Amino acid sequence: MKFTKWIVTSFVAVMLVASGCGSKNSVDTAPLEKSFASAEPANKSAADSAASAIKSEDYPGAMAQLQKLASQAKLTPEQQQAVKDTLAPASKAAKDGQKAATDLQKSLPKP
């Protein structure tokens, strides 16, 4: 009975972590998408890729695209600010997800 309880508890914990406890994506991509709507094709593509990655909760992929954008010298001040404003919460979300996975891993009993 204890083993079954442990399996059910572990399954519920994994599902909560995987679903983000039912929360919606907390990173707003609208300012990023708006500021790059009329940008050069390469920059617009990178911004669109970052926004798509954020929407699918692929924060490491989004951060890579945002860092690529941030390194561009030809960004307008509005675009630079949009990248900074999007990078901060995406970075926090990635760290929170990694911490939750690590905490869950530590809570599981050793085989």
Protein backbone atom coordinates (compact mmCIF):
# COMPACT_ATOMS: atom_id res chain seq x y z
CA MET A 1 0.00 0.00 0.00
CA LYS A 2 2.81 2.43 0.85
CA PHE A 3 4.47 1.73 -2.49
CA THR A 4 1.25 2.53 -4.38
CA LYS A 5 0.82 5.74 -2.38
CA TRP A 6 4.40 6.72 -3.20
CA ILE A 7 3.83 6.12 -6.93
CA VAL A 8 0.61 8.16 -6.95
CA THR A 9 2.26 11.00 -5.02
CA SER A 10 5.25 11.01 -7.37
CA PHE A 11 2.99 11.01 -10.43
CA VAL A 12 0.98 13.96 -9.11
CA ALA A 13 4.17 15.89 -8.29
CA VAL A 14 5.56 15.29 -11.77
CA MET A 15 2.31 16.39 -13.39
CA LEU A 16 2.20 19.58 -11.29
CA VAL A 17 5.75 20.48 -12.24
CA ALA A 18 5.16 19.65 -15.90
CA SER A 19 1.99 21.71 -16.08
CA GLY A 20 3.38 24.63 -14.11
CA CYS A 21 0.72 24.06 -11.44
CA GLY A 22 -1.94 25.12 -13.94
CA SER A 23 -0.49 28.59 -14.43
CA LYS A 24 -0.46 30.33 -17.76
CA ASN A 25 2.70 31.54 -19.42
CA SER A 26 3.85 34.55 -17.39
CA VAL A 27 6.13 36.06 -20.06
CA ASP A 28 4.41 38.66 -22.23
CA THR A 29 5.73 38.48 -25.78
CA ALA A 30 3.50 41.23 -27.22
CA PRO A 31 6.02 44.10 -26.77
CA LEU A 32 8.75 42.01 -28.39
CA GLU A 33 6.57 41.05 -31.34
CA LYS A 34 5.33 44.62 -31.78
CA SER A 35 8.79 46.22 -31.70
CA PHE A 36 10.16 43.77 -34.28
CA ALA A 37 7.12 43.79 -36.60
CA SER A 38 8.90 45.99 -39.15
CA ALA A 39 12.51 45.00 -38.36
CA GLU A 40 15.07 43.57 -40.75
CA PRO A 41 14.09 40.02 -41.79
CA ALA A 42 16.87 38.33 -39.79
CA ASN A 43 16.01 40.21 -36.61
CA LYS A 44 12.27 39.73 -37.10
CA SER A 45 12.83 36.01 -37.59
CA ALA A 46 14.90 35.78 -34.39
CA ALA A 47 12.25 37.72 -32.44
CA ASP A 48 9.48 35.50 -33.81
CA SER A 49 11.48 32.40 -32.90
CA ALA A 50 12.01 33.72 -29.37
CA ALA A 51 8.30 34.50 -28.97
CA SER A 52 7.34 31.04 -30.24
CA ALA A 53 9.80 29.40 -27.88
CA ILE A 54 8.40 31.36 -24.94
CA LYS A 55 4.84 30.41 -25.86
CA SER A 56 5.84 26.74 -25.94
CA GLU A 57 7.75 27.22 -22.66
CA ASP A 58 11.13 26.46 -24.27
CA TYR A 59 12.90 29.08 -22.18
CA PRO A 60 16.47 28.00 -22.96
CA GLY A 61 15.72 28.27 -26.70
CA ALA A 62 14.04 31.64 -26.17
CA MET A 63 16.98 32.93 -24.15
CA ALA A 64 19.41 31.91 -26.91
CA GLN A 65 17.37 33.85 -29.49
CA LEU A 66 17.00 36.86 -27.21
CA GLN A 67 20.72 36.94 -26.47
CA LYS A 68 21.39 36.76 -30.22
CA LEU A 69 19.07 39.73 -30.70
CA ALA A 70 20.63 41.67 -27.84
CA SER A 71 24.05 41.39 -29.46
CA GLN A 72 22.85 43.12 -32.64
CA ALA A 73 24.25 46.64 -32.97
CA LYS A 74 21.48 47.90 -35.28
CA LEU A 75 18.54 47.60 -32.87
CA THR A 76 16.40 50.63 -32.13
CA PRO A 77 16.11 51.75 -28.48
CA GLU A 78 12.56 50.36 -28.45
CA GLN A 79 13.78 46.98 -29.70
CA GLN A 80 16.63 46.91 -27.18
CA GLN A 81 14.17 47.60 -24.36
CA ALA A 82 11.75 44.94 -25.61
CA VAL A 83 14.55 42.36 -25.65
CA LYS A 84 15.61 43.31 -22.09
CA ASP A 85 12.02 43.29 -20.83
CA THR A 86 11.41 39.84 -22.32
CA LEU A 87 14.75 38.32 -21.36
CA ALA A 88 14.38 38.98 -17.62
CA PRO A 89 11.11 37.07 -17.03
CA ALA A 90 12.12 34.32 -19.49
CA SER A 91 15.34 33.82 -17.55
CA LYS A 92 13.42 33.69 -14.25
CA ALA A 93 10.93 31.18 -15.67
CA ALA A 94 13.78 28.97 -16.88
CA LYS A 95 15.47 29.08 -13.46
CA ASP A 96 12.18 28.35 -11.67
CA GLY A 97 11.55 25.34 -13.90
CA GLN A 98 15.05 24.02 -13.34
CA LYS A 99 14.72 24.50 -9.56
CA ALA A 100 11.39 22.64 -9.51
CA ALA A 101 12.88 19.73 -11.44
CA THR A 102 15.91 19.62 -9.12
CA ASP A 103 13.72 19.76 -6.01
CA LEU A 104 11.55 16.96 -7.33
CA GLN A 105 14.59 14.85 -8.15
CA LYS A 106 15.97 15.36 -4.61
CA SER A 107 12.64 14.39 -3.04
CA LEU A 108 12.52 11.01 -4.77
CA PRO A 109 13.94 8.11 -2.75
CA LYS A 110 17.24 6.59 -3.84
CA PRO A 111 16.90 3.19 -5.53
